[in-house]
Amino acid sequence: MTDPLELPPAETIQAEPEQPSLALHIKPWMILTVALVAIAGLAAVSAWTLVHDPSEGERAAVLETWKSVGLAAFFYFLGSSAGSRNKDQM
């Protein structure tokens, strides 16, 4: 076995050209459109449920669903704004 200090110097390694990224390049307006369609669909199902003589349990389920959507939106906003604030301080 040879001593590592006696090895010849390494050849210069040429950097390979960068390959194009395989990212999907999803535009922000696409995300917004999908979110708005989903909320409109939920609103349509909720309205249909409430119009067709719902029971008390169905009304409570619709109300709880909208509470959950509202809380999720609030905490998403809270988390994203806190994350961007921490990124700015670094």
C-alpha atoms as a PDB file:
ATOM      1  CA  MET A   1       0.000   0.000   0.000  1.00  0.00           C
ATOM      2  CA  THR A   2       1.339   3.418  -0.833  1.00  0.00           C
ATOM      3  CA  ASP A   3       1.609   6.315   1.500  1.00  0.00           C
ATOM      4  CA  PRO A   4      -1.176   8.885   0.807  1.00  0.00           C
ATOM      5  CA  LEU A   5       1.344  11.696   0.959  1.00  0.00           C
ATOM      6  CA  GLU A   6       3.230  10.215  -1.990  1.00  0.00           C
ATOM      7  CA  LEU A   7       0.254  10.195  -4.379  1.00  0.00           C
ATOM      8  CA  PRO A   8       0.489  12.443  -7.443  1.00  0.00           C
ATOM      9  CA  PRO A   9      -1.572  15.672  -7.303  1.00  0.00           C
ATOM     10  CA  ALA A  10      -5.182  15.297  -8.363  1.00  0.00           C
ATOM     11  CA  GLU A  11      -6.102  16.420 -11.835  1.00  0.00           C
ATOM     12  CA  THR A  12      -8.153  19.557 -12.217  1.00  0.00           C
ATOM     13  CA  ILE A  13     -11.834  18.656 -12.263  1.00  0.00           C
ATOM     14  CA  GLN A  14     -13.923  20.558 -14.774  1.00  0.00           C
ATOM     15  CA  ALA A  15     -17.379  21.576 -13.581  1.00  0.00           C
ATOM     16  CA  GLU A  16     -20.175  20.064 -15.589  1.00  0.00           C
ATOM     17  CA  PRO A  17     -22.666  22.460 -17.133  1.00  0.00           C
ATOM     18  CA  GLU A  18     -25.779  22.862 -15.004  1.00  0.00           C
ATOM     19  CA  GLN A  19     -28.689  20.699 -15.989  1.00  0.00           C
ATOM     20  CA  PRO A  20     -32.085  22.364 -16.316  1.00  0.00           C
ATOM     21  CA  SER A  21     -34.181  22.105 -13.183  1.00  0.00           C
ATOM     22  CA  LEU A  22     -36.983  19.559 -13.177  1.00  0.00           C
ATOM     23  CA  ALA A  23     -39.176  21.779 -10.973  1.00  0.00           C
ATOM     24  CA  LEU A  24     -42.806  22.140 -12.008  1.00  0.00           C
ATOM     25  CA  HIS A  25     -42.779  25.959 -12.054  1.00  0.00           C
ATOM     26  CA  ILE A  26     -46.227  26.310 -10.574  1.00  0.00           C
ATOM     27  CA  LYS A  27     -47.341  29.911 -10.745  1.00  0.00           C
ATOM     28  CA  PRO A  28     -48.919  31.573  -7.675  1.00  0.00           C
ATOM     29  CA  TRP A  29     -52.108  32.372  -9.597  1.00  0.00           C
ATOM     30  CA  MET A  30     -52.551  28.647 -10.300  1.00  0.00           C
ATOM     31  CA  ILE A  31     -52.446  27.866  -6.585  1.00  0.00           C
ATOM     32  CA  LEU A  32     -54.881  30.681  -5.860  1.00  0.00           C
ATOM     33  CA  THR A  33     -57.255  29.427  -8.560  1.00  0.00           C
ATOM     34  CA  VAL A  34     -57.292  25.881  -7.185  1.00  0.00           C
ATOM     35  CA  ALA A  35     -57.852  27.181  -3.642  1.00  0.00           C
ATOM     36  CA  LEU A  36     -60.735  29.418  -4.758  1.00  0.00           C
ATOM     37  CA  VAL A  37     -62.363  26.564  -6.702  1.00  0.00           C
ATOM     38  CA  ALA A  38     -62.096  24.326  -3.631  1.00  0.00           C
ATOM     39  CA  ILE A  39     -63.647  26.977  -1.370  1.00  0.00           C
ATOM     40  CA  ALA A  40     -66.410  27.638  -3.918  1.00  0.00           C
ATOM     41  CA  GLY A  41     -67.121  23.906  -4.059  1.00  0.00           C
ATOM     42  CA  LEU A  42     -67.320  23.688  -0.284  1.00  0.00           C
ATOM     43  CA  ALA A  43     -69.631  26.712  -0.252  1.00  0.00           C
ATOM     44  CA  ALA A  44     -71.872  25.117  -2.889  1.00  0.00           C
ATOM     45  CA  VAL A  45     -72.119  21.825  -0.988  1.00  0.00           C
ATOM     46  CA  SER A  46     -72.782  23.687   2.255  1.00  0.00           C
ATOM     47  CA  ALA A  47     -75.507  25.801   0.650  1.00  0.00           C
ATOM     48  CA  TRP A  48     -77.122  22.741  -0.927  1.00  0.00           C
ATOM     49  CA  THR A  49     -77.080  20.962   2.437  1.00  0.00           C
ATOM     50  CA  LEU A  50     -78.627  23.915   4.253  1.00  0.00           C
ATOM     51  CA  VAL A  51     -81.318  24.508   1.614  1.00  0.00           C
ATOM     52  CA  HIS A  52     -82.582  20.917   1.590  1.00  0.00           C
ATOM     53  CA  ASP A  53     -84.066  20.873   5.118  1.00  0.00           C
ATOM     54  CA  PRO A  54     -81.061  19.741   7.157  1.00  0.00           C
ATOM     55  CA  SER A  55     -81.234  18.158  10.558  1.00  0.00           C
ATOM     56  CA  GLU A  56     -79.544  19.788  13.537  1.00  0.00           C
ATOM     57  CA  GLY A  57     -76.601  17.422  13.161  1.00  0.00           C
ATOM     58  CA  GLU A  58     -76.095  18.402   9.514  1.00  0.00           C
ATOM     59  CA  ARG A  59     -76.219  22.104  10.395  1.00  0.00           C
ATOM     60  CA  ALA A  60     -73.659  21.568  13.130  1.00  0.00           C
ATOM     61  CA  ALA A  61     -71.400  19.630  10.756  1.00  0.00           C
ATOM     62  CA  VAL A  62     -71.516  22.440   8.190  1.00  0.00           C
ATOM     63  CA  LEU A  63     -70.768  25.024  10.880  1.00  0.00           C
ATOM     64  CA  GLU A  64     -67.848  22.993  12.257  1.00  0.00           C
ATOM     65  CA  THR A  65     -66.444  22.515   8.745  1.00  0.00           C
ATOM     66  CA  TRP A  66     -66.400  26.254   8.126  1.00  0.00           C
ATOM     67  CA  LYS A  67     -64.837  26.850  11.551  1.00  0.00           C
ATOM     68  CA  SER A  68     -62.078  24.406  10.619  1.00  0.00           C
ATOM     69  CA  VAL A  69     -61.489  26.104   7.262  1.00  0.00           C
ATOM     70  CA  GLY A  70     -61.305  29.496   8.959  1.00  0.00           C
ATOM     71  CA  LEU A  71     -58.870  28.274  11.605  1.00  0.00           C
ATOM     72  CA  ALA A  72     -56.682  26.573   9.008  1.00  0.00           C
ATOM     73  CA  ALA A  73     -56.526  29.766   6.942  1.00  0.00           C
ATOM     74  CA  PHE A  74     -55.687  31.853  10.013  1.00  0.00           C
ATOM     75  CA  PHE A  75     -52.923  29.557  11.224  1.00  0.00           C
ATOM     76  CA  TYR A  76     -51.491  29.221   7.706  1.00  0.00           C
ATOM     77  CA  PHE A  77     -51.283  33.022   7.520  1.00  0.00           C
ATOM     78  CA  LEU A  78     -49.793  33.211  10.999  1.00  0.00           C
ATOM     79  CA  GLY A  79     -47.183  30.554  10.250  1.00  0.00           C
ATOM     80  CA  SER A  80     -46.179  31.954   6.884  1.00  0.00           C
ATOM     81  CA  SER A  81     -45.794  35.492   8.216  1.00  0.00           C
ATOM     82  CA  ALA A  82     -43.739  34.282  11.185  1.00  0.00           C
ATOM     83  CA  GLY A  83     -41.578  32.182   8.867  1.00  0.00           C
ATOM     84  CA  SER A  84     -40.855  35.104   6.571  1.00  0.00           C
ATOM     85  CA  ARG A  85     -40.033  37.314   9.560  1.00  0.00           C
ATOM     86  CA  ASN A  86     -37.470  34.784  10.820  1.00  0.00           C
ATOM     87  CA  LYS A  87     -35.943  34.483   7.356  1.00  0.00           C
ATOM     88  CA  ASP A  88     -35.466  38.278   7.153  1.00  0.00           C
ATOM     89  CA  GLN A  89     -33.563  38.344  10.469  1.00  0.00           C
ATOM     90  CA  MET A  90     -30.976  35.769   9.408  1.00  0.00           C
END
